[in-house]
Amino acid sequence: MSKEEYLEFLEAREQTEFGKIWRVYRRLMFELVDEYLNARHKQREELRKKIWSMDNVQAYLFRLCDEQSWLIRDRSDEPLLRRLIGFISIADSGYTLPKQFLVTDLYDQATKVAQIEIGPLLSEIAKISSDKTEHISSGVSTQKFLKDFQLFDRSHLLDGES
């Protein structure tokens, strides 16, 4: 699907009942991530615990992050990129392969399309992310995942398509 087709899809979805609900959810989640990014350590910890206890909210945060990543088009979208990385921090699920795909996609969109250096943002958000792993099955904290992030190499996935 091209970017234009995707944006048309999003626009059409906005007219549906789901789209109306999603718009409210999106606004509330952006307000929450702004609060999280500007909070003190203890407040961030409390917000992470609340989000961690709500599986559906956590899953939809990643869907929202994926959806919004298409909107990163130039350097003026750096605040949006910061907020999307903030979603990953607030969800606090440590390392997972789908999350690595998501951050790789954010990286590609930021560096290749928008010409934004994502490394400093990953470092900034890693510093405020949790270093705890007791609820993370991979044993890799969100802080470590963001701090040590490596792009997922998809080249071997394309070998069979040649």
C-alpha atoms as a PDB file:
ATOM      1  CA  MET A   1       0.000   0.000   0.000  1.00  0.00           C
ATOM      2  CA  SER A   2       1.414   3.375  -0.957  1.00  0.00           C
ATOM      3  CA  LYS A   3       1.561   6.262   1.498  1.00  0.00           C
ATOM      4  CA  GLU A   4      -1.197   8.023  -0.404  1.00  0.00           C
ATOM      5  CA  GLU A   5      -3.437   4.944  -0.223  1.00  0.00           C
ATOM      6  CA  TYR A   6      -2.690   4.566   3.474  1.00  0.00           C
ATOM      7  CA  LEU A   7      -3.569   8.192   4.173  1.00  0.00           C
ATOM      8  CA  GLU A   8      -6.800   7.761   2.178  1.00  0.00           C
ATOM      9  CA  PHE A   9      -7.583   4.691   4.285  1.00  0.00           C
ATOM     10  CA  LEU A  10      -6.991   6.648   7.507  1.00  0.00           C
ATOM     11  CA  GLU A  11      -9.172   9.480   6.257  1.00  0.00           C
ATOM     12  CA  ALA A  12     -12.012   7.093   5.325  1.00  0.00           C
ATOM     13  CA  ARG A  13     -11.701   5.308   8.663  1.00  0.00           C
ATOM     14  CA  GLU A  14     -12.120   8.639  10.480  1.00  0.00           C
ATOM     15  CA  GLN A  15     -15.699   8.729   9.164  1.00  0.00           C
ATOM     16  CA  THR A  16     -16.648   5.391  10.752  1.00  0.00           C
ATOM     17  CA  GLU A  17     -17.817   4.824  14.315  1.00  0.00           C
ATOM     18  CA  PHE A  18     -14.534   3.062  15.052  1.00  0.00           C
ATOM     19  CA  GLY A  19     -12.646   6.000  13.564  1.00  0.00           C
ATOM     20  CA  LYS A  20     -14.425   8.439  15.834  1.00  0.00           C
ATOM     21  CA  ILE A  21     -13.573   6.348  18.891  1.00  0.00           C
ATOM     22  CA  TRP A  22      -9.988   5.860  17.685  1.00  0.00           C
ATOM     23  CA  ARG A  23      -9.583   9.637  17.290  1.00  0.00           C
ATOM     24  CA  VAL A  24     -10.561  10.150  20.951  1.00  0.00           C
ATOM     25  CA  TYR A  25      -8.285   7.289  22.049  1.00  0.00           C
ATOM     26  CA  ARG A  26      -5.395   8.745  20.023  1.00  0.00           C
ATOM     27  CA  ARG A  27      -5.874  12.191  21.581  1.00  0.00           C
ATOM     28  CA  LEU A  28      -5.961  10.734  25.100  1.00  0.00           C
ATOM     29  CA  MET A  29      -2.875   8.588  24.501  1.00  0.00           C
ATOM     30  CA  PHE A  30      -0.936  11.575  23.179  1.00  0.00           C
ATOM     31  CA  GLU A  31      -1.957  13.553  26.268  1.00  0.00           C
ATOM     32  CA  LEU A  32      -0.807  10.634  28.423  1.00  0.00           C
ATOM     33  CA  VAL A  33       2.566  10.301  26.697  1.00  0.00           C
ATOM     34  CA  ASP A  34       3.131  14.057  26.996  1.00  0.00           C
ATOM     35  CA  GLU A  35       2.430  13.799  30.716  1.00  0.00           C
ATOM     36  CA  TYR A  36       4.762  10.783  30.935  1.00  0.00           C
ATOM     37  CA  LEU A  37       7.622  12.478  29.091  1.00  0.00           C
ATOM     38  CA  ASN A  38       7.384  15.545  31.343  1.00  0.00           C
ATOM     39  CA  ALA A  39       6.832  13.675  34.618  1.00  0.00           C
ATOM     40  CA  ARG A  40       9.226  12.927  37.434  1.00  0.00           C
ATOM     41  CA  HIS A  41      10.631   9.444  37.964  1.00  0.00           C
ATOM     42  CA  LYS A  42       7.999   8.271  40.463  1.00  0.00           C
ATOM     43  CA  GLN A  43       5.111   9.537  38.326  1.00  0.00           C
ATOM     44  CA  ARG A  44       6.521   7.789  35.235  1.00  0.00           C
ATOM     45  CA  GLU A  45       6.822   4.567  37.214  1.00  0.00           C
ATOM     46  CA  GLU A  46       3.162   4.810  38.284  1.00  0.00           C
ATOM     47  CA  LEU A  47       2.019   5.482  34.711  1.00  0.00           C
ATOM     48  CA  ARG A  48       4.009   2.483  33.406  1.00  0.00           C
ATOM     49  CA  LYS A  49       2.415   0.229  36.037  1.00  0.00           C
ATOM     50  CA  LYS A  50      -1.071   1.391  35.064  1.00  0.00           C
ATOM     51  CA  ILE A  51      -0.440   0.804  31.357  1.00  0.00           C
ATOM     52  CA  TRP A  52       1.277  -2.524  32.045  1.00  0.00           C
ATOM     53  CA  SER A  53      -1.852  -3.786  33.787  1.00  0.00           C
ATOM     54  CA  MET A  54      -4.025  -3.017  30.733  1.00  0.00           C
ATOM     55  CA  ASP A  55      -3.104  -5.459  27.948  1.00  0.00           C
ATOM     56  CA  ASN A  56      -5.475  -3.924  25.406  1.00  0.00           C
ATOM     57  CA  VAL A  57      -4.150  -0.417  25.976  1.00  0.00           C
ATOM     58  CA  GLN A  58      -0.596  -1.678  25.636  1.00  0.00           C
ATOM     59  CA  ALA A  59      -1.383  -3.443  22.339  1.00  0.00           C
ATOM     60  CA  TYR A  60      -3.198  -0.420  20.945  1.00  0.00           C
ATOM     61  CA  LEU A  61      -0.273   1.837  21.873  1.00  0.00           C
ATOM     62  CA  PHE A  62       1.912  -0.147  19.489  1.00  0.00           C
ATOM     63  CA  ARG A  63      -0.776  -0.055  16.782  1.00  0.00           C
ATOM     64  CA  LEU A  64      -1.071   3.711  17.267  1.00  0.00           C
ATOM     65  CA  CYS A  65       2.700   4.075  17.108  1.00  0.00           C
ATOM     66  CA  ASP A  66       2.854   2.085  13.867  1.00  0.00           C
ATOM     67  CA  GLU A  67       0.016   4.104  12.341  1.00  0.00           C
ATOM     68  CA  GLN A  68       1.467   7.471  13.280  1.00  0.00           C
ATOM     69  CA  SER A  69       4.974   6.604  12.049  1.00  0.00           C
ATOM     70  CA  TRP A  70       3.782   7.187   8.473  1.00  0.00           C
ATOM     71  CA  LEU A  71       3.245  10.832   9.375  1.00  0.00           C
ATOM     72  CA  ILE A  72       6.952  11.441  10.041  1.00  0.00           C
ATOM     73  CA  ARG A  73       7.988  13.218   6.845  1.00  0.00           C
ATOM     74  CA  ASP A  74      10.569  15.866   7.720  1.00  0.00           C
ATOM     75  CA  ARG A  75      12.567  17.381  10.574  1.00  0.00           C
ATOM     76  CA  SER A  76       9.531  19.266  11.875  1.00  0.00           C
ATOM     77  CA  ASP A  77       8.077  15.865  12.874  1.00  0.00           C
ATOM     78  CA  GLU A  78      10.798  15.184  15.465  1.00  0.00           C
ATOM     79  CA  PRO A  79       8.380  15.927  18.371  1.00  0.00           C
ATOM     80  CA  LEU A  80       6.007  13.271  16.978  1.00  0.00           C
ATOM     81  CA  LEU A  81       8.878  10.788  16.743  1.00  0.00           C
ATOM     82  CA  ARG A  82       9.818  11.552  20.372  1.00  0.00           C
ATOM     83  CA  ARG A  83       6.223  10.879  21.452  1.00  0.00           C
ATOM     84  CA  LEU A  84       6.104   7.583  19.532  1.00  0.00           C
ATOM     85  CA  ILE A  85       9.287   6.396  21.221  1.00  0.00           C
ATOM     86  CA  GLY A  86       7.672   7.556  24.472  1.00  0.00           C
ATOM     87  CA  PHE A  87       4.791   5.132  23.776  1.00  0.00           C
ATOM     88  CA  ILE A  88       7.308   2.294  23.687  1.00  0.00           C
ATOM     89  CA  SER A  89       8.741   3.441  27.002  1.00  0.00           C
ATOM     90  CA  ILE A  90       5.397   3.817  28.745  1.00  0.00           C
ATOM     91  CA  ALA A  91       4.209   0.374  27.568  1.00  0.00           C
ATOM     92  CA  ASP A  92       7.320  -1.074  29.258  1.00  0.00           C
ATOM     93  CA  SER A  93       7.322  -4.507  27.643  1.00  0.00           C
ATOM     94  CA  GLY A  94      11.074  -4.767  27.194  1.00  0.00           C
ATOM     95  CA  TYR A  95      12.459  -6.456  24.105  1.00  0.00           C
ATOM     96  CA  THR A  96      10.098  -8.273  21.779  1.00  0.00           C
ATOM     97  CA  LEU A  97      10.566  -9.061  18.101  1.00  0.00           C
ATOM     98  CA  PRO A  98       7.447  -7.096  17.066  1.00  0.00           C
ATOM     99  CA  LYS A  99       8.773  -4.118  19.019  1.00  0.00           C
ATOM    100  CA  GLN A 100      12.129  -4.460  17.261  1.00  0.00           C
ATOM    101  CA  PHE A 101      10.273  -4.384  13.922  1.00  0.00           C
ATOM    102  CA  LEU A 102       8.380  -1.293  15.076  1.00  0.00           C
ATOM    103  CA  VAL A 103      11.493   0.611  16.153  1.00  0.00           C
ATOM    104  CA  THR A 104      13.277  -0.457  12.949  1.00  0.00           C
ATOM    105  CA  ASP A 105      10.362   0.991  10.969  1.00  0.00           C
ATOM    106  CA  LEU A 106      10.515   4.197  13.032  1.00  0.00           C
ATOM    107  CA  TYR A 107      14.261   4.350  12.433  1.00  0.00           C
ATOM    108  CA  ASP A 108      13.840   3.920   8.676  1.00  0.00           C
ATOM    109  CA  GLN A 109      11.051   6.498   8.468  1.00  0.00           C
ATOM    110  CA  ALA A 110      13.004   8.992  10.568  1.00  0.00           C
ATOM    111  CA  THR A 111      16.391   8.618   8.889  1.00  0.00           C
ATOM    112  CA  LYS A 112      15.482   7.819   5.283  1.00  0.00           C
ATOM    113  CA  VAL A 113      12.353   9.942   4.845  1.00  0.00           C
ATOM    114  CA  ALA A 114      12.501  12.735   7.421  1.00  0.00           C
ATOM    115  CA  GLN A 115      16.291  13.046   7.800  1.00  0.00           C
ATOM    116  CA  ILE A 116      15.971  12.950  11.608  1.00  0.00           C
ATOM    117  CA  GLU A 117      18.781  11.513  13.721  1.00  0.00           C
ATOM    118  CA  ILE A 118      16.881   9.031  15.905  1.00  0.00           C
ATOM    119  CA  GLY A 119      19.825   7.904  18.075  1.00  0.00           C
ATOM    120  CA  PRO A 120      19.708  10.866  20.479  1.00  0.00           C
ATOM    121  CA  LEU A 121      15.942  10.418  20.920  1.00  0.00           C
ATOM    122  CA  LEU A 122      16.345   6.711  21.681  1.00  0.00           C
ATOM    123  CA  SER A 123      19.038   7.577  24.250  1.00  0.00           C
ATOM    124  CA  GLU A 124      16.920  10.322  25.813  1.00  0.00           C
ATOM    125  CA  ILE A 125      13.874   8.057  26.189  1.00  0.00           C
ATOM    126  CA  ALA A 126      16.021   5.104  27.340  1.00  0.00           C
ATOM    127  CA  LYS A 127      17.221   7.223  30.276  1.00  0.00           C
ATOM    128  CA  ILE A 128      13.670   7.668  31.559  1.00  0.00           C
ATOM    129  CA  SER A 129      12.566   4.098  30.780  1.00  0.00           C
ATOM    130  CA  SER A 130      12.358   1.291  33.294  1.00  0.00           C
ATOM    131  CA  ASP A 131      15.387  -0.901  33.909  1.00  0.00           C
ATOM    132  CA  LYS A 132      13.245  -3.556  35.630  1.00  0.00           C
ATOM    133  CA  THR A 133      12.578  -6.955  34.056  1.00  0.00           C
ATOM    134  CA  GLU A 134      10.452  -8.891  36.558  1.00  0.00           C
ATOM    135  CA  HIS A 135       7.380  -8.763  34.285  1.00  0.00           C
ATOM    136  CA  ILE A 136       9.286  -9.065  30.986  1.00  0.00           C
ATOM    137  CA  SER A 137       9.645 -12.573  29.574  1.00  0.00           C
ATOM    138  CA  SER A 138      12.662 -11.734  27.382  1.00  0.00           C
ATOM    139  CA  GLY A 139      14.652 -10.532  30.398  1.00  0.00           C
ATOM    140  CA  VAL A 140      15.645  -7.379  28.474  1.00  0.00           C
ATOM    141  CA  SER A 141      14.323  -4.167  30.023  1.00  0.00           C
ATOM    142  CA  THR A 142      12.793  -1.386  27.976  1.00  0.00           C
ATOM    143  CA  GLN A 143      15.704   0.821  29.013  1.00  0.00           C
ATOM    144  CA  LYS A 144      18.278  -1.685  27.717  1.00  0.00           C
ATOM    145  CA  PHE A 145      16.281  -2.346  24.539  1.00  0.00           C
ATOM    146  CA  LEU A 146      16.159   1.351  23.629  1.00  0.00           C
ATOM    147  CA  LYS A 147      19.724   2.068  24.748  1.00  0.00           C
ATOM    148  CA  ASP A 148      21.245  -0.864  22.822  1.00  0.00           C
ATOM    149  CA  PHE A 149      18.797  -0.860  19.906  1.00  0.00           C
ATOM    150  CA  GLN A 150      20.039  -2.560  16.746  1.00  0.00           C
ATOM    151  CA  LEU A 151      18.173  -2.466  13.451  1.00  0.00           C
ATOM    152  CA  PHE A 152      16.456  -5.680  12.436  1.00  0.00           C
ATOM    153  CA  ASP A 153      18.199  -6.996   9.323  1.00  0.00           C
ATOM    154  CA  ARG A 154      15.482  -7.845   6.818  1.00  0.00           C
ATOM    155  CA  SER A 155      17.846  -8.555   3.929  1.00  0.00           C
ATOM    156  CA  HIS A 156      17.685 -12.316   4.448  1.00  0.00           C
ATOM    157  CA  LEU A 157      13.882 -12.134   4.252  1.00  0.00           C
ATOM    158  CA  LEU A 158      14.109 -10.709   0.743  1.00  0.00           C
ATOM    159  CA  ASP A 159      16.577 -13.315  -0.587  1.00  0.00           C
ATOM    160  CA  GLY A 160      13.794 -15.704  -1.617  1.00  0.00           C
ATOM    161  CA  GLU A 161      12.001 -13.023  -3.629  1.00  0.00           C
ATOM    162  CA  SER A 162      14.821 -12.455  -6.136  1.00  0.00           C
END
